[in-house]
Amino acid sequence: MAQLGELFGLHWGWMALGVALAIAEIVAPGYFLIWLAAAALLTGLVSAAMPIGLEAEIVLFVVLCALALAAGRRWVLRHPVTSADPMLNDRGGQLIGQSVLVTHVIEGGSGRVRHGDTEWLVRGPDAQPGTRMRVTGAEGTVLVVEHLH
């Protein structure tokens, strides 16, 4: 009786795995699964071109995965993704240079200010409510302020 791989062509299984991994990369992007997909597709091509056993195909797949992941890592390190807005997820950092209004007295180096519709904890020189100050930095959710000159 012929082996299952001979009946259906095991290379199609590798090709299907490659396509499934590529689709998974599209659904959950992250620069990892695409390299495994490439290794599976190459294993399928080699398997279709020359009849090798399942064990050899698995070894070939593992070797190609290692090579593809190493090449992918090298490529990603050489071509880093840069954001069009590096401060996008840094709300406090976006306020640096902006004017804020003291809402609760800044005493002993801490108090509260308002910018737009949001109140922030601040660290800075003493100031009374109603005083305008400038944001000079951000430490997590605490803004660093100074008097306007």
C-alpha atoms as a PDB file:
ATOM      1  CA  MET A   1       0.000   0.000   0.000  1.00  0.00           C
ATOM      2  CA  ALA A   2       1.335   3.411  -0.968  1.00  0.00           C
ATOM      3  CA  GLN A   3       2.162   5.914   1.720  1.00  0.00           C
ATOM      4  CA  LEU A   4      -0.228   8.800   2.306  1.00  0.00           C
ATOM      5  CA  GLY A   5       2.410  11.303   1.156  1.00  0.00           C
ATOM      6  CA  GLU A   6       2.781   9.479  -2.161  1.00  0.00           C
ATOM      7  CA  LEU A   7      -0.975   9.436  -2.762  1.00  0.00           C
ATOM      8  CA  PHE A   8      -1.689  13.086  -2.129  1.00  0.00           C
ATOM      9  CA  GLY A   9       1.720  14.660  -2.593  1.00  0.00           C
ATOM     10  CA  LEU A  10       3.094  15.780   0.761  1.00  0.00           C
ATOM     11  CA  HIS A  11       4.418  18.935  -0.865  1.00  0.00           C
ATOM     12  CA  TRP A  12       0.831  20.241  -0.984  1.00  0.00           C
ATOM     13  CA  GLY A  13       0.681  19.951   2.798  1.00  0.00           C
ATOM     14  CA  TRP A  14       3.787  22.125   3.112  1.00  0.00           C
ATOM     15  CA  MET A  15       2.327  24.618   0.651  1.00  0.00           C
ATOM     16  CA  ALA A  16      -0.948  24.730   2.593  1.00  0.00           C
ATOM     17  CA  LEU A  17       0.982  25.234   5.840  1.00  0.00           C
ATOM     18  CA  GLY A  18       2.921  28.088   4.199  1.00  0.00           C
ATOM     19  CA  VAL A  19      -0.267  29.789   3.012  1.00  0.00           C
ATOM     20  CA  ALA A  20      -1.933  29.304   6.425  1.00  0.00           C
ATOM     21  CA  LEU A  21       1.073  30.853   8.190  1.00  0.00           C
ATOM     22  CA  ALA A  22       1.099  33.780   5.751  1.00  0.00           C
ATOM     23  CA  ILE A  23      -2.607  34.379   6.404  1.00  0.00           C
ATOM     24  CA  ALA A  24      -1.966  34.176  10.154  1.00  0.00           C
ATOM     25  CA  GLU A  25       0.746  36.858   9.739  1.00  0.00           C
ATOM     26  CA  ILE A  26      -1.777  39.119   8.017  1.00  0.00           C
ATOM     27  CA  VAL A  27      -4.364  38.562  10.748  1.00  0.00           C
ATOM     28  CA  ALA A  28      -1.866  39.004  13.604  1.00  0.00           C
ATOM     29  CA  PRO A  29       1.069  40.972  12.169  1.00  0.00           C
ATOM     30  CA  GLY A  30       4.379  40.780  13.932  1.00  0.00           C
ATOM     31  CA  TYR A  31       7.256  39.883  11.536  1.00  0.00           C
ATOM     32  CA  PHE A  32       7.498  36.290  12.783  1.00  0.00           C
ATOM     33  CA  LEU A  33       5.052  33.974  11.064  1.00  0.00           C
ATOM     34  CA  ILE A  34       5.923  35.226   7.582  1.00  0.00           C
ATOM     35  CA  TRP A  35       9.413  33.710   7.910  1.00  0.00           C
ATOM     36  CA  LEU A  36       7.952  30.363   8.939  1.00  0.00           C
ATOM     37  CA  ALA A  37       5.573  30.618   5.981  1.00  0.00           C
ATOM     38  CA  ALA A  38       8.525  31.139   3.636  1.00  0.00           C
ATOM     39  CA  ALA A  39      10.270  28.087   5.116  1.00  0.00           C
ATOM     40  CA  ALA A  40       7.145  25.944   4.672  1.00  0.00           C
ATOM     41  CA  LEU A  41       6.669  27.102   1.072  1.00  0.00           C
ATOM     42  CA  LEU A  42      10.325  26.409   0.239  1.00  0.00           C
ATOM     43  CA  THR A  43      10.042  22.979   1.852  1.00  0.00           C
ATOM     44  CA  GLY A  44       6.997  22.311  -0.315  1.00  0.00           C
ATOM     45  CA  LEU A  45       8.858  23.376  -3.465  1.00  0.00           C
ATOM     46  CA  VAL A  46      11.849  21.157  -2.656  1.00  0.00           C
ATOM     47  CA  SER A  47       9.525  18.278  -1.773  1.00  0.00           C
ATOM     48  CA  ALA A  48       7.727  18.658  -5.108  1.00  0.00           C
ATOM     49  CA  ALA A  49      11.000  18.833  -7.079  1.00  0.00           C
ATOM     50  CA  MET A  50      12.711  15.837  -5.499  1.00  0.00           C
ATOM     51  CA  PRO A  51      11.200  12.893  -3.672  1.00  0.00           C
ATOM     52  CA  ILE A  52      12.608  12.943  -0.159  1.00  0.00           C
ATOM     53  CA  GLY A  53      11.192  11.268   2.904  1.00  0.00           C
ATOM     54  CA  LEU A  54       9.055  12.919   5.539  1.00  0.00           C
ATOM     55  CA  GLU A  55      11.934  12.908   8.028  1.00  0.00           C
ATOM     56  CA  ALA A  56      14.167  14.778   5.563  1.00  0.00           C
ATOM     57  CA  GLU A  57      11.352  17.243   4.848  1.00  0.00           C
ATOM     58  CA  ILE A  58      10.954  17.974   8.563  1.00  0.00           C
ATOM     59  CA  VAL A  59      14.707  18.486   8.975  1.00  0.00           C
ATOM     60  CA  LEU A  60      14.711  20.729   5.890  1.00  0.00           C
ATOM     61  CA  PHE A  61      11.792  22.737   7.310  1.00  0.00           C
ATOM     62  CA  VAL A  62      13.552  23.207  10.667  1.00  0.00           C
ATOM     63  CA  VAL A  63      16.790  24.305   8.968  1.00  0.00           C
ATOM     64  CA  LEU A  64      14.906  26.680   6.644  1.00  0.00           C
ATOM     65  CA  CYS A  65      12.986  28.103   9.631  1.00  0.00           C
ATOM     66  CA  ALA A  66      16.246  28.842  11.442  1.00  0.00           C
ATOM     67  CA  LEU A  67      17.769  30.463   8.345  1.00  0.00           C
ATOM     68  CA  ALA A  68      14.613  32.446   7.542  1.00  0.00           C
ATOM     69  CA  LEU A  69      14.253  33.691  11.133  1.00  0.00           C
ATOM     70  CA  ALA A  70      17.932  34.729  11.248  1.00  0.00           C
ATOM     71  CA  ALA A  71      17.601  36.536   7.906  1.00  0.00           C
ATOM     72  CA  GLY A  72      14.327  38.132   9.018  1.00  0.00           C
ATOM     73  CA  ARG A  73      15.835  39.339  12.285  1.00  0.00           C
ATOM     74  CA  ARG A  74      18.761  40.829  10.418  1.00  0.00           C
ATOM     75  CA  TRP A  75      16.427  42.561   7.951  1.00  0.00           C
ATOM     76  CA  VAL A  76      14.215  44.000  10.706  1.00  0.00           C
ATOM     77  CA  LEU A  77      17.248  45.323  12.610  1.00  0.00           C
ATOM     78  CA  ARG A  78      18.564  47.008   9.451  1.00  0.00           C
ATOM     79  CA  HIS A  79      15.154  48.444   8.482  1.00  0.00           C
ATOM     80  CA  PRO A  80      13.482  49.610  11.706  1.00  0.00           C
ATOM     81  CA  VAL A  81       9.911  50.840  11.510  1.00  0.00           C
ATOM     82  CA  THR A  82       9.685  54.502  12.442  1.00  0.00           C
ATOM     83  CA  SER A  83       6.484  56.123  13.534  1.00  0.00           C
ATOM     84  CA  ALA A  84       5.137  59.209  11.797  1.00  0.00           C
ATOM     85  CA  ASP A  85       4.256  60.501  15.276  1.00  0.00           C
ATOM     86  CA  PRO A  86       6.658  59.153  17.927  1.00  0.00           C
ATOM     87  CA  MET A  87       4.705  60.912  20.704  1.00  0.00           C
ATOM     88  CA  LEU A  88       1.400  59.298  19.696  1.00  0.00           C
ATOM     89  CA  ASN A  89       1.056  57.203  22.858  1.00  0.00           C
ATOM     90  CA  ASP A  90       2.828  59.632  25.188  1.00  0.00           C
ATOM     91  CA  ARG A  91       0.120  62.067  26.307  1.00  0.00           C
ATOM     92  CA  GLY A  92       2.362  63.799  28.824  1.00  0.00           C
ATOM     93  CA  GLY A  93       5.177  64.127  26.307  1.00  0.00           C
ATOM     94  CA  GLN A  94       2.796  65.745  23.824  1.00  0.00           C
ATOM     95  CA  LEU A  95       2.202  68.567  26.319  1.00  0.00           C
ATOM     96  CA  ILE A  96       5.859  69.637  26.591  1.00  0.00           C
ATOM     97  CA  GLY A  97       6.046  73.315  25.688  1.00  0.00           C
ATOM     98  CA  GLN A  98       2.299  73.814  26.214  1.00  0.00           C
ATOM     99  CA  SER A  99       0.749  76.273  28.647  1.00  0.00           C
ATOM    100  CA  VAL A 100      -1.321  74.891  31.545  1.00  0.00           C
ATOM    101  CA  LEU A 101      -3.473  76.506  34.244  1.00  0.00           C
ATOM    102  CA  VAL A 102      -2.902  75.759  37.931  1.00  0.00           C
ATOM    103  CA  THR A 103      -6.154  74.448  39.477  1.00  0.00           C
ATOM    104  CA  HIS A 104      -4.907  73.337  42.909  1.00  0.00           C
ATOM    105  CA  VAL A 105      -2.077  75.186  44.626  1.00  0.00           C
ATOM    106  CA  ILE A 106       1.395  73.913  43.810  1.00  0.00           C
ATOM    107  CA  GLU A 107       3.018  73.742  47.204  1.00  0.00           C
ATOM    108  CA  GLY A 108       6.098  71.857  48.283  1.00  0.00           C
ATOM    109  CA  GLY A 109       6.753  70.941  44.668  1.00  0.00           C
ATOM    110  CA  SER A 110       3.434  69.249  43.820  1.00  0.00           C
ATOM    111  CA  GLY A 111      -0.062  70.280  42.778  1.00  0.00           C
ATOM    112  CA  ARG A 112      -2.562  70.031  39.923  1.00  0.00           C
ATOM    113  CA  VAL A 113      -3.016  71.813  36.596  1.00  0.00           C
ATOM    114  CA  ARG A 114      -5.548  71.751  33.781  1.00  0.00           C
ATOM    115  CA  HIS A 115      -4.886  71.410  30.080  1.00  0.00           C
ATOM    116  CA  GLY A 116      -8.013  71.277  27.946  1.00  0.00           C
ATOM    117  CA  ASP A 117     -10.514  69.129  29.817  1.00  0.00           C
ATOM    118  CA  THR A 118      -7.926  67.089  31.733  1.00  0.00           C
ATOM    119  CA  GLU A 119      -6.312  67.714  35.105  1.00  0.00           C
ATOM    120  CA  TRP A 120      -2.763  66.557  35.674  1.00  0.00           C
ATOM    121  CA  LEU A 121      -0.593  66.063  38.718  1.00  0.00           C
ATOM    122  CA  VAL A 122       2.460  68.316  38.489  1.00  0.00           C
ATOM    123  CA  ARG A 123       5.852  68.817  39.994  1.00  0.00           C
ATOM    124  CA  GLY A 124       7.300  72.300  39.990  1.00  0.00           C
ATOM    125  CA  PRO A 125       7.737  75.618  41.811  1.00  0.00           C
ATOM    126  CA  ASP A 126       5.050  76.936  44.155  1.00  0.00           C
ATOM    127  CA  ALA A 127       2.124  78.626  42.382  1.00  0.00           C
ATOM    128  CA  GLN A 128      -1.433  79.719  43.207  1.00  0.00           C
ATOM    129  CA  PRO A 129      -4.596  78.589  41.368  1.00  0.00           C
ATOM    130  CA  GLY A 130      -5.144  80.604  38.181  1.00  0.00           C
ATOM    131  CA  THR A 131      -1.401  80.878  37.426  1.00  0.00           C
ATOM    132  CA  ARG A 132      -0.310  79.966  33.881  1.00  0.00           C
ATOM    133  CA  MET A 133       2.716  77.654  33.673  1.00  0.00           C
ATOM    134  CA  ARG A 134       4.658  75.875  30.935  1.00  0.00           C
ATOM    135  CA  VAL A 135       5.169  72.108  30.769  1.00  0.00           C
ATOM    136  CA  THR A 136       8.887  71.268  30.546  1.00  0.00           C
ATOM    137  CA  GLY A 137       8.742  67.517  30.950  1.00  0.00           C
ATOM    138  CA  ALA A 138       6.711  64.464  31.842  1.00  0.00           C
ATOM    139  CA  GLU A 139       7.506  61.619  34.219  1.00  0.00           C
ATOM    140  CA  GLY A 140       4.830  59.025  33.624  1.00  0.00           C
ATOM    141  CA  THR A 141       1.535  60.723  34.504  1.00  0.00           C
ATOM    142  CA  VAL A 142       3.160  63.628  36.351  1.00  0.00           C
ATOM    143  CA  LEU A 143       3.984  66.778  34.403  1.00  0.00           C
ATOM    144  CA  VAL A 144       7.002  68.929  35.229  1.00  0.00           C
ATOM    145  CA  VAL A 145       6.181  72.646  35.018  1.00  0.00           C
ATOM    146  CA  GLU A 146       7.871  76.029  35.348  1.00  0.00           C
ATOM    147  CA  HIS A 147       6.623  79.604  35.481  1.00  0.00           C
ATOM    148  CA  LEU A 148       6.038  81.361  32.178  1.00  0.00           C
ATOM    149  CA  HIS A 149       8.662  84.034  31.528  1.00  0.00           C
END
